[in-house]
C-alpha atoms as a PDB file:
ATOM      1  CA  MET A   1       0.020  -0.009   0.015  1.00  0.00           C
ATOM      2  CA  SER A   2       1.548   3.321  -0.967  1.00  0.00           C
ATOM      3  CA  MET A   3       0.938   6.641   0.702  1.00  0.00           C
ATOM      4  CA  VAL A   4       0.420   9.747  -1.343  1.00  0.00           C
ATOM      5  CA  THR A   5       1.342  13.047   0.047  1.00  0.00           C
ATOM      6  CA  CYS A   6      -0.019  16.127  -1.614  1.00  0.00           C
ATOM      7  CA  MET A   7       1.638  19.407  -0.752  1.00  0.00           C
ATOM      8  CA  ALA A   8       0.706  22.656  -2.178  1.00  0.00           C
ATOM      9  CA  THR A   9       3.299  24.532  -4.220  1.00  0.00           C
ATOM     10  CA  THR A  10       4.892  27.231  -2.070  1.00  0.00           C
ATOM     11  CA  LYS A  11       6.828  30.364  -2.819  1.00  0.00           C
ATOM     12  CA  LYS A  12       9.312  32.233  -0.529  1.00  0.00           C
ATOM     13  CA  VAL A  13       8.333  35.828  -0.055  1.00  0.00           C
ATOM     14  CA  THR A  14       9.675  38.678   2.017  1.00  0.00           C
ATOM     15  CA  VAL A  15       7.394  40.649   4.313  1.00  0.00           C
ATOM     16  CA  THR A  16       7.808  43.322   6.917  1.00  0.00           C
ATOM     17  CA  ILE A  17       6.235  42.588  10.327  1.00  0.00           C
ATOM     18  CA  PRO A  18       6.510  44.802  13.445  1.00  0.00           C
ATOM     19  CA  ALA A  19       9.102  43.396  15.775  1.00  0.00           C
ATOM     20  CA  ASP A  20       6.816  43.182  18.862  1.00  0.00           C
ATOM     21  CA  LEU A  21       4.293  41.190  16.766  1.00  0.00           C
ATOM     22  CA  LEU A  22       6.803  38.804  15.335  1.00  0.00           C
ATOM     23  CA  ASP A  23       8.293  38.174  18.914  1.00  0.00           C
ATOM     24  CA  GLU A  24       4.905  37.487  20.183  1.00  0.00           C
ATOM     25  CA  ILE A  25       3.947  35.123  17.324  1.00  0.00           C
ATOM     26  CA  ARG A  26       7.283  33.186  17.452  1.00  0.00           C
ATOM     27  CA  GLY A  27       6.700  32.582  21.188  1.00  0.00           C
ATOM     28  CA  GLU A  28       3.394  30.942  20.302  1.00  0.00           C
ATOM     29  CA  VAL A  29       4.104  29.021  17.091  1.00  0.00           C
ATOM     30  CA  ALA A  30       7.377  27.170  17.877  1.00  0.00           C
ATOM     31  CA  GLU A  31       6.096  23.651  16.915  1.00  0.00           C
ATOM     32  CA  ARG A  32       4.061  24.681  13.825  1.00  0.00           C
ATOM     33  CA  GLY A  33       6.556  27.136  12.589  1.00  0.00           C
ATOM     34  CA  LEU A  34       6.167  30.736  11.463  1.00  0.00           C
ATOM     35  CA  SER A  35       5.496  30.007   7.754  1.00  0.00           C
ATOM     36  CA  ALA A  36       2.572  27.668   8.680  1.00  0.00           C
ATOM     37  CA  TYR A  37       1.190  30.325  11.027  1.00  0.00           C
ATOM     38  CA  VAL A  38       1.388  33.118   8.446  1.00  0.00           C
ATOM     39  CA  ALA A  39      -0.146  30.967   5.729  1.00  0.00           C
ATOM     40  CA  GLU A  40      -3.010  30.018   8.123  1.00  0.00           C
ATOM     41  CA  ALA A  41      -3.397  33.722   9.020  1.00  0.00           C
ATOM     42  CA  LEU A  42      -3.534  34.688   5.276  1.00  0.00           C
ATOM     43  CA  ARG A  43      -6.239  32.024   4.607  1.00  0.00           C
ATOM     44  CA  PHE A  44      -8.249  33.354   7.558  1.00  0.00           C
ATOM     45  CA  LYS A  45      -8.010  36.800   6.217  1.00  0.00           C
ATOM     46  CA  ARG A  46      -8.986  35.753   2.745  1.00  0.00           C
ATOM     47  CA  ASP A  47     -12.037  33.845   4.107  1.00  0.00           C
ATOM     48  CA  ARG A  48     -12.929  36.938   6.238  1.00  0.00           C
ATOM     49  CA  ASP A  49     -12.774  39.227   3.105  1.00  0.00           C
ATOM     50  CA  ARG A  50     -15.062  36.652   1.301  1.00  0.00           C
ATOM     51  CA  LEU A  51     -17.529  36.654   4.216  1.00  0.00           C
ATOM     52  CA  ARG A  52     -17.532  40.425   4.284  1.00  0.00           C
ATOM     53  CA  GLU A  53     -18.300  40.386   0.506  1.00  0.00           C
ATOM     54  CA  LEU A  54     -21.083  37.926   1.100  1.00  0.00           C
ATOM     55  CA  ALA A  55     -22.421  40.062   3.914  1.00  0.00           C
ATOM     56  CA  ASP A  56     -22.526  43.105   1.617  1.00  0.00           C
ATOM     57  CA  TRP A  57     -24.358  41.138  -1.024  1.00  0.00           C
ATOM     58  CA  LEU A  58     -26.986  39.920   1.585  1.00  0.00           C
ATOM     59  CA  GLN A  59     -27.338  43.448   2.861  1.00  0.00           C
ATOM     60  CA  GLU A  60     -27.986  44.709  -0.603  1.00  0.00           C
ATOM     61  CA  GLU A  61     -30.683  41.940  -1.049  1.00  0.00           C
ATOM     62  CA  HIS A  62     -32.319  42.163   2.425  1.00  0.00           C
ATOM     63  CA  GLY A  63     -31.375  45.501   3.948  1.00  0.00           C
ATOM     64  CA  SER A  64     -29.220  46.531   6.826  1.00  0.00           C
ATOM     65  CA  LEU A  65     -29.253  45.030  10.266  1.00  0.00           C
ATOM     66  CA  THR A  66     -31.422  46.808  12.836  1.00  0.00           C
ATOM     67  CA  GLU A  67     -29.582  48.577  15.744  1.00  0.00           C
ATOM     68  CA  ASP A  68     -30.923  45.828  18.009  1.00  0.00           C
ATOM     69  CA  GLU A  69     -29.495  43.027  15.709  1.00  0.00           C
ATOM     70  CA  ARG A  70     -26.205  44.941  15.555  1.00  0.00           C
ATOM     71  CA  THR A  71     -26.103  45.320  19.335  1.00  0.00           C
ATOM     72  CA  ALA A  72     -26.859  41.673  19.993  1.00  0.00           C
ATOM     73  CA  ALA A  73     -24.108  40.567  17.595  1.00  0.00           C
ATOM     74  CA  PHE A  74     -21.557  42.868  19.257  1.00  0.00           C
ATOM     75  CA  GLU A  75     -22.544  41.525  22.689  1.00  0.00           C
ATOM     76  CA  GLU A  76     -22.117  38.005  21.524  1.00  0.00           C
ATOM     77  CA  LEU A  77     -18.696  38.845  20.219  1.00  0.00           C
ATOM     78  CA  GLU A  78     -17.696  40.483  23.513  1.00  0.00           C
ATOM     79  CA  ASP A  79     -18.732  37.365  25.380  1.00  0.00           C
ATOM     80  CA  LEU A  80     -16.582  35.177  23.036  1.00  0.00           C
ATOM     81  CA  ASP A  81     -13.599  37.553  23.597  1.00  0.00           C
ATOM     82  CA  ALA A  82     -14.164  37.327  27.543  1.00  0.00           C
ATOM     83  CA  GLU A  83     -14.200  33.592  27.334  1.00  0.00           C
ATOM     84  CA  HIS A  84     -11.108  33.516  25.269  1.00  0.00           C
ATOM     85  CA  GLU A  85      -9.279  35.941  27.690  1.00  0.00           C
ATOM     86  CA  ARG A  86     -10.535  33.859  30.719  1.00  0.00           C
ATOM     87  CA  ARG A  87      -9.107  30.643  29.277  1.00  0.00           C
ATOM     88  CA  ARG A  88      -5.746  32.420  28.213  1.00  0.00           C
ATOM     89  CA  ALA A  89      -5.366  33.659  31.744  1.00  0.00           C
ATOM     90  CA  ALA A  90      -5.973  30.411  33.079  1.00  0.00           C
ATOM     91  CA  GLY A  91      -3.542  28.662  30.830  1.00  0.00           C
ATOM     92  CA  LYS A  92      -6.237  26.456  29.209  1.00  0.00           C
ATOM     93  CA  HIS A  93      -5.642  25.962  25.545  1.00  0.00           C
ATOM     94  CA  ASP A  94      -7.269  22.526  25.063  1.00  0.00           C
ATOM     95  CA  ALA A  95      -9.889  22.728  22.185  1.00  0.00           C
ATOM     96  CA  GLY A  96     -12.072  20.019  23.731  1.00  0.00           C
ATOM     97  CA  GLU A  97     -12.314  21.650  27.107  1.00  0.00           C
ATOM     98  CA  ALA A  98     -15.708  22.680  28.363  1.00  0.00           C
ATOM     99  CA  ALA A  99     -16.390  26.278  29.476  1.00  0.00           C
END
C-alpha cells in the first residue's frame, strides 16, 4: 500500500512585520513554525474578506441590520472575547475543554 502526500506548491516571499508582533507570534508557534502560522493567517483573512463580501451582497438584497441586531451581535462577540481571555489567563488551551 502506498501513501500519497499532496503538498501545495509554495513560494518564498519577504514581508515586513512589526518586531513586537513577530516576537509574540514566534513565542506561540514554535512547533508549527512561522510559515505555517502566516499561511493560516492569510487564509483566515482571505476567508473573512469573502465573508464580508457575502455580507455586503446579503445587505443589498435584504437590507441593513437593525440597531438591536447589531447590538446583539456585538454583545455575543464581547462574550466570546471574554471567554477567550478567561481561558488564556487560566492557561487552558485545550480545544475540547468545556467552558
